[in-house]
Amino acid sequence: MGGRDKGLVPFRGRPLVVYALDALRSVAGRVMVSANRNRESYAGFGCPVIADASGEFEGPLAGVLSAMVWAETGLVLTMPCDTPLVTGCMLKRLAEEQAASDCDIAVAHDGERLHPVFLIARASLRVDLRAFLASGERRVEDWLARHQTHRVDYSDVPELFANVNSLEELEVLEARRTQPNA
């Protein structure tokens, strides 16, 4: 993104993070942003902004851990900010399948690949996650494998997971005219 904070980069006239917040707000009672920089900018979107507990970049699991510590409920729902086509319906499906399977973690799978940061997990897993990170581990997939994890099938709408990692990818995604329903 040319050194820019991805969540603050505009997509169709709105910062990428707004799409994630809209989707999350449609299914969650409380929403927070996990950010380690530009915290004041993120706070302007009307949510608490929580930084990782450690000062070191430990990857997405550090943000998941921060959400688990912050949570006042038994479950934490997470998603990245770089997937603006995701809808609240998609997140609702994730939550419904977690409840139906009574698993520790439900995670999105598009039929070909896992999307490990699209997950809903028991907040009580924070103890295990803290130990996992303290051991030097960082891979989300490795942490998921330690728990009863249910893959939620999104093979009917894999295009929802189009993510933006560069300005070129942003331009391609902006050129799309339709937004799928999940």
Protein backbone atom coordinates (compact mmCIF):
# COMPACT_ATOMS: atom_id res chain seq x y z
CA MET A 1 0.00 0.00 0.00
CA GLY A 2 2.95 2.27 -0.45
CA GLY A 3 3.58 2.50 3.29
CA ARG A 4 0.01 3.58 4.05
CA ASP A 5 -2.04 2.00 6.82
CA LYS A 6 -4.21 -0.46 4.91
CA GLY A 7 -7.37 0.08 6.93
CA LEU A 8 -7.32 3.80 6.21
CA VAL A 9 -6.89 3.46 2.43
CA PRO A 10 -10.11 4.43 0.61
CA PHE A 11 -12.15 1.92 -1.37
CA ARG A 12 -15.15 3.28 -3.26
CA GLY A 13 -14.92 6.48 -1.27
CA ARG A 14 -14.69 4.97 2.22
CA PRO A 15 -11.72 3.67 4.23
CA LEU A 16 -11.32 -0.12 4.06
CA VAL A 17 -11.86 -0.44 7.81
CA VAL A 18 -15.39 0.96 7.49
CA TYR A 19 -16.48 -2.08 5.46
CA ALA A 20 -15.23 -4.41 8.20
CA LEU A 21 -16.88 -2.33 10.92
CA ASP A 22 -20.20 -2.29 9.07
CA ALA A 23 -20.14 -6.08 8.66
CA LEU A 24 -19.16 -6.65 12.30
CA ARG A 25 -21.69 -4.18 13.69
CA SER A 26 -24.49 -6.02 11.91
CA VAL A 27 -23.84 -9.18 13.97
CA ALA A 28 -21.88 -8.21 17.09
CA GLY A 29 -23.03 -6.31 20.14
CA ARG A 30 -19.65 -4.66 20.71
CA VAL A 31 -17.01 -3.94 18.11
CA MET A 32 -13.39 -2.91 18.54
CA VAL A 33 -10.48 -2.22 16.23
CA SER A 34 -7.13 -3.88 16.79
CA ALA A 35 -4.45 -1.42 15.69
CA ASN A 36 -0.90 -0.66 16.69
CA ARG A 37 -0.51 2.60 14.76
CA ASN A 38 -2.80 5.46 13.77
CA ARG A 39 -4.93 4.68 16.80
CA GLU A 40 -6.44 8.18 16.89
CA SER A 41 -7.57 7.86 13.27
CA TYR A 42 -9.22 4.51 14.00
CA ALA A 43 -10.88 5.89 17.13
CA GLY A 44 -12.67 8.34 14.85
CA PHE A 45 -14.81 5.46 13.57
CA GLY A 46 -16.62 5.22 16.90
CA CYS A 47 -15.07 2.07 18.38
CA PRO A 48 -12.53 1.35 21.06
CA VAL A 49 -9.07 0.82 19.57
CA ILE A 50 -6.97 -1.84 21.26
CA ALA A 51 -3.24 -2.30 20.67
CA ASP A 52 -1.41 -5.61 20.99
CA ALA A 53 -0.33 -6.35 24.55
CA SER A 54 3.34 -6.64 23.60
CA GLY A 55 5.25 -3.92 21.86
CA GLU A 56 6.48 -6.36 19.22
CA PHE A 57 4.68 -7.25 16.00
CA GLU A 58 3.37 -10.75 16.66
CA GLY A 59 0.98 -10.97 13.73
CA PRO A 60 -2.78 -11.35 13.62
CA LEU A 61 -2.96 -13.71 16.59
CA ALA A 62 -1.79 -10.89 18.87
CA GLY A 63 -4.85 -8.93 17.78
CA VAL A 64 -7.06 -11.96 18.39
CA LEU A 65 -5.60 -12.26 21.88
CA SER A 66 -6.23 -8.57 22.57
CA ALA A 67 -9.85 -9.04 21.49
CA MET A 68 -10.22 -12.08 23.76
CA VAL A 69 -8.90 -10.13 26.74
CA TRP A 70 -11.18 -7.18 25.91
CA ALA A 71 -14.29 -9.28 25.31
CA GLU A 72 -17.15 -9.34 27.77
CA THR A 73 -18.77 -12.31 26.07
CA GLY A 74 -17.81 -15.92 25.64
CA LEU A 75 -17.03 -15.55 21.94
CA VAL A 76 -14.84 -13.30 19.81
CA LEU A 77 -15.49 -12.73 16.11
CA THR A 78 -12.58 -11.45 14.01
CA MET A 79 -11.96 -10.39 10.44
CA PRO A 80 -9.25 -8.46 8.62
CA CYS A 81 -9.83 -4.93 7.35
CA ASP A 82 -8.65 -5.65 3.81
CA THR A 83 -11.68 -7.59 2.56
CA PRO A 84 -14.31 -4.97 1.75
CA LEU A 85 -16.74 -7.34 0.02
CA VAL A 86 -17.47 -9.26 3.22
CA THR A 87 -21.01 -8.80 4.49
CA GLY A 88 -22.72 -9.19 7.80
CA CYS A 89 -24.54 -12.22 6.36
CA MET A 90 -21.19 -13.94 5.90
CA LEU A 91 -20.23 -13.28 9.49
CA LYS A 92 -23.64 -14.42 10.69
CA ARG A 93 -23.11 -17.75 8.89
CA LEU A 94 -19.81 -18.14 10.73
CA ALA A 95 -21.49 -17.49 14.09
CA GLU A 96 -24.41 -19.80 13.35
CA GLU A 97 -22.16 -22.69 12.39
CA GLN A 98 -20.01 -22.19 15.48
CA ALA A 99 -23.12 -22.40 17.64
CA ALA A 100 -24.51 -25.42 15.78
CA SER A 101 -21.25 -27.37 15.94
CA ASP A 102 -20.38 -26.19 19.47
CA CYS A 103 -16.72 -26.09 18.42
CA ASP A 104 -13.96 -24.04 19.99
CA ILE A 105 -13.33 -22.13 16.78
CA ALA A 106 -15.20 -21.76 13.50
CA VAL A 107 -13.11 -20.51 10.59
CA ALA A 108 -13.95 -19.58 7.01
CA HIS A 109 -12.98 -21.82 4.09
CA ASP A 110 -13.79 -20.90 0.49
CA GLY A 111 -13.62 -24.41 -0.91
CA GLU A 112 -9.97 -24.05 -1.88
CA ARG A 113 -8.27 -22.27 0.97
CA LEU A 114 -8.66 -21.40 4.59
CA HIS A 115 -9.16 -17.78 5.62
CA PRO A 116 -7.81 -18.10 9.16
CA VAL A 117 -8.46 -14.58 10.43
CA PHE A 118 -12.17 -14.90 9.62
CA LEU A 119 -12.99 -16.75 12.79
CA ILE A 120 -15.20 -16.94 15.80
CA ALA A 121 -13.53 -18.41 18.86
CA ARG A 122 -14.22 -19.01 22.51
CA ALA A 123 -12.71 -16.15 24.49
CA SER A 124 -11.58 -18.68 27.10
CA LEU A 125 -8.90 -19.79 24.62
CA ARG A 126 -6.95 -16.64 25.55
CA VAL A 127 -4.89 -18.61 28.09
CA ASP A 128 -3.77 -21.08 25.44
CA LEU A 129 -3.24 -18.35 22.85
CA ARG A 130 -1.10 -16.32 25.24
CA ALA A 131 1.09 -19.40 25.88
CA PHE A 132 1.24 -20.15 22.14
CA LEU A 133 2.50 -16.64 21.37
CA ALA A 134 4.91 -16.68 24.35
CA SER A 135 6.49 -19.84 22.90
CA GLY A 136 7.39 -17.88 19.76
CA GLU A 137 4.72 -19.41 17.55
CA ARG A 138 2.86 -17.08 15.15
CA ARG A 139 1.07 -19.14 12.48
CA VAL A 140 -2.70 -18.89 12.82
CA GLU A 141 -3.18 -22.30 11.19
CA ASP A 142 -0.92 -23.95 13.77
CA TRP A 143 -2.91 -22.43 16.63
CA LEU A 144 -6.20 -23.50 15.03
CA ALA A 145 -4.92 -27.07 14.78
CA ARG A 146 -4.57 -27.20 18.57
CA HIS A 147 -8.34 -26.83 19.04
CA GLN A 148 -11.66 -28.25 17.96
CA THR A 149 -11.97 -26.19 14.79
CA HIS A 150 -14.89 -26.28 12.36
CA ARG A 151 -14.38 -25.11 8.79
CA VAL A 152 -17.33 -23.09 7.55
CA ASP A 153 -17.95 -23.63 3.85
CA TYR A 154 -18.07 -20.52 1.70
CA SER A 155 -17.44 -22.27 -1.61
CA ASP A 156 -20.66 -20.69 -2.88
CA VAL A 157 -19.18 -17.17 -2.50
CA PRO A 158 -15.37 -17.38 -2.60
CA GLU A 159 -15.20 -13.91 -4.14
CA LEU A 160 -16.14 -12.46 -0.74
CA PHE A 161 -12.60 -13.08 0.38
CA ALA A 162 -10.97 -10.86 -2.25
CA ASN A 163 -8.44 -8.96 -0.20
CA VAL A 164 -6.42 -5.90 -0.95
CA ASN A 165 -2.67 -6.02 -0.44
CA SER A 166 -1.54 -3.43 -2.96
CA LEU A 167 -2.84 -0.33 -4.69
CA GLU A 168 -3.02 -2.36 -7.91
CA GLU A 169 -5.27 -4.97 -6.27
CA LEU A 170 -7.39 -2.14 -4.89
CA GLU A 171 -7.91 -0.75 -8.41
CA VAL A 172 -8.92 -4.17 -9.74
CA LEU A 173 -11.38 -4.70 -6.91
CA GLU A 174 -12.84 -1.22 -7.31
CA ALA A 175 -13.51 -2.01 -10.97
CA ARG A 176 -15.88 -4.79 -9.93
CA ARG A 177 -19.48 -3.67 -10.02
CA THR A 178 -21.27 -6.29 -7.98
CA GLN A 179 -21.08 -7.29 -4.37
CA PRO A 180 -22.15 -10.89 -3.71
CA ASN A 181 -24.59 -11.88 -1.01
CA ALA A 182 -23.46 -14.42 1.52
